[in-house]
Amino acid sequence: MHIYLKDIDDFVLSAKHKKEEKIYKQIILDFLESNKEKKFKGTDLMLNLSIPEQGLYKSLKDLVNQDEIKKENHRYFVKNE
């Protein structure tokens, strides 16, 4: 399963002006939990957050037990198989 995260602006709007990782992490957790029945294709689920690179990497690394996270054109791709 590949999870691609970008463009979930509705879920990050309230936290966008705050640079607290736990807020973003909880928003991502809530989104994934509420959509766990869906089977996402490559680009169905994406997230593009304007928070510090290390902070986003750490949050996603803690959130998803993935084997790879890479940044490409300011999009963060989480590979979880």
C-alpha atoms as a PDB file:
ATOM      1  CA  MET A   1       0.000   0.000   0.000  1.00  0.00           C
ATOM      2  CA  HIS A   2       1.309   3.403  -0.953  1.00  0.00           C
ATOM      3  CA  ILE A   3      -0.011   6.475   0.832  1.00  0.00           C
ATOM      4  CA  TYR A   4       0.635   9.797  -0.837  1.00  0.00           C
ATOM      5  CA  LEU A   5      -0.064  12.873   1.242  1.00  0.00           C
ATOM      6  CA  LYS A   6      -0.863  16.291  -0.257  1.00  0.00           C
ATOM      7  CA  ASP A   7      -3.747  18.751  -0.599  1.00  0.00           C
ATOM      8  CA  ILE A   8      -5.822  18.134   2.519  1.00  0.00           C
ATOM      9  CA  ASP A   9      -6.209  21.841   3.143  1.00  0.00           C
ATOM     10  CA  ASP A  10      -9.594  21.506   4.836  1.00  0.00           C
ATOM     11  CA  PHE A  11      -8.006  19.428   7.567  1.00  0.00           C
ATOM     12  CA  VAL A  12      -5.035  21.706   8.219  1.00  0.00           C
ATOM     13  CA  LEU A  13      -6.713  25.099   7.903  1.00  0.00           C
ATOM     14  CA  SER A  14      -7.235  25.620  11.626  1.00  0.00           C
ATOM     15  CA  ALA A  15      -3.667  24.607  12.439  1.00  0.00           C
ATOM     16  CA  LYS A  16      -1.910  26.321   9.560  1.00  0.00           C
ATOM     17  CA  HIS A  17      -0.868  29.404  11.525  1.00  0.00           C
ATOM     18  CA  LYS A  18       0.416  27.278  14.403  1.00  0.00           C
ATOM     19  CA  LYS A  19       3.709  25.473  13.979  1.00  0.00           C
ATOM     20  CA  GLU A  20       2.989  22.725  16.482  1.00  0.00           C
ATOM     21  CA  GLU A  21       3.681  19.239  15.178  1.00  0.00           C
ATOM     22  CA  LYS A  22       1.180  17.566  17.481  1.00  0.00           C
ATOM     23  CA  ILE A  23      -1.687  19.549  15.924  1.00  0.00           C
ATOM     24  CA  TYR A  24      -0.723  18.474  12.420  1.00  0.00           C
ATOM     25  CA  LYS A  25      -0.114  14.926  13.574  1.00  0.00           C
ATOM     26  CA  GLN A  26      -3.550  14.726  15.194  1.00  0.00           C
ATOM     27  CA  ILE A  27      -5.205  16.154  12.081  1.00  0.00           C
ATOM     28  CA  ILE A  28      -3.472  13.537   9.926  1.00  0.00           C
ATOM     29  CA  LEU A  29      -4.430  10.793  12.379  1.00  0.00           C
ATOM     30  CA  ASP A  30      -8.049  11.953  12.404  1.00  0.00           C
ATOM     31  CA  PHE A  31      -8.153  12.079   8.608  1.00  0.00           C
ATOM     32  CA  LEU A  32      -6.668   8.609   8.177  1.00  0.00           C
ATOM     33  CA  GLU A  33      -8.931   7.202  10.900  1.00  0.00           C
ATOM     34  CA  SER A  34     -12.060   8.668   9.323  1.00  0.00           C
ATOM     35  CA  ASN A  35     -11.076   7.302   5.911  1.00  0.00           C
ATOM     36  CA  LYS A  36      -9.616   3.950   6.913  1.00  0.00           C
ATOM     37  CA  GLU A  37     -12.267   1.999   5.006  1.00  0.00           C
ATOM     38  CA  LYS A  38     -11.194   3.573   1.710  1.00  0.00           C
ATOM     39  CA  LYS A  39      -8.608   1.942  -0.492  1.00  0.00           C
ATOM     40  CA  PHE A  40      -6.500   4.813  -1.746  1.00  0.00           C
ATOM     41  CA  LYS A  41      -4.703   4.807  -5.052  1.00  0.00           C
ATOM     42  CA  GLY A  42      -1.382   6.564  -5.490  1.00  0.00           C
ATOM     43  CA  THR A  43      -2.546  10.152  -5.654  1.00  0.00           C
ATOM     44  CA  ASP A  44      -5.941   9.878  -3.951  1.00  0.00           C
ATOM     45  CA  LEU A  45      -4.613  10.871  -0.547  1.00  0.00           C
ATOM     46  CA  MET A  46      -2.055  13.636  -0.423  1.00  0.00           C
ATOM     47  CA  LEU A  47      -0.989  16.230   2.062  1.00  0.00           C
ATOM     48  CA  ASN A  48       0.988  19.396   1.519  1.00  0.00           C
ATOM     49  CA  LEU A  49       1.737  21.217   4.752  1.00  0.00           C
ATOM     50  CA  SER A  50       3.677  24.431   5.138  1.00  0.00           C
ATOM     51  CA  ILE A  51       5.520  23.456   8.295  1.00  0.00           C
ATOM     52  CA  PRO A  52       9.257  22.964   8.815  1.00  0.00           C
ATOM     53  CA  GLU A  53      10.662  20.059   6.826  1.00  0.00           C
ATOM     54  CA  GLN A  54      12.109  18.250   9.827  1.00  0.00           C
ATOM     55  CA  GLY A  55       8.901  18.702  11.779  1.00  0.00           C
ATOM     56  CA  LEU A  56       6.771  17.204   9.011  1.00  0.00           C
ATOM     57  CA  TYR A  57       9.213  14.377   8.487  1.00  0.00           C
ATOM     58  CA  LYS A  58       9.222  13.562  12.198  1.00  0.00           C
ATOM     59  CA  SER A  59       5.437  13.679  12.464  1.00  0.00           C
ATOM     60  CA  LEU A  60       4.932  11.400   9.478  1.00  0.00           C
ATOM     61  CA  LYS A  61       7.714   9.068  10.624  1.00  0.00           C
ATOM     62  CA  ASP A  62       6.037   8.735  14.023  1.00  0.00           C
ATOM     63  CA  LEU A  63       2.598   8.422  12.475  1.00  0.00           C
ATOM     64  CA  VAL A  64       3.180   5.831   9.775  1.00  0.00           C
ATOM     65  CA  ASN A  65       5.416   2.825  10.208  1.00  0.00           C
ATOM     66  CA  GLN A  66       6.834   3.372   6.762  1.00  0.00           C
ATOM     67  CA  ASP A  67      10.105   2.392   5.202  1.00  0.00           C
ATOM     68  CA  GLU A  68      10.606   5.511   3.143  1.00  0.00           C
ATOM     69  CA  ILE A  69       9.719   9.194   3.172  1.00  0.00           C
ATOM     70  CA  LYS A  70      11.017  11.444   0.450  1.00  0.00           C
ATOM     71  CA  LYS A  71      10.477  15.039  -0.569  1.00  0.00           C
ATOM     72  CA  GLU A  72       9.830  15.805  -4.202  1.00  0.00           C
ATOM     73  CA  ASN A  73       8.800  19.278  -5.400  1.00  0.00           C
ATOM     74  CA  HIS A  74       7.606  20.164  -1.885  1.00  0.00           C
ATOM     75  CA  ARG A  75       5.361  17.102  -1.751  1.00  0.00           C
ATOM     76  CA  TYR A  76       5.998  14.487   0.859  1.00  0.00           C
ATOM     77  CA  PHE A  77       5.516  10.896  -0.218  1.00  0.00           C
ATOM     78  CA  VAL A  78       5.024   8.255   2.420  1.00  0.00           C
ATOM     79  CA  LYS A  79       5.617   4.712   1.257  1.00  0.00           C
ATOM     80  CA  ASN A  80       4.059   2.097   3.514  1.00  0.00           C
ATOM     81  CA  GLU A  81       4.009  -1.522   2.371  1.00  0.00           C
END
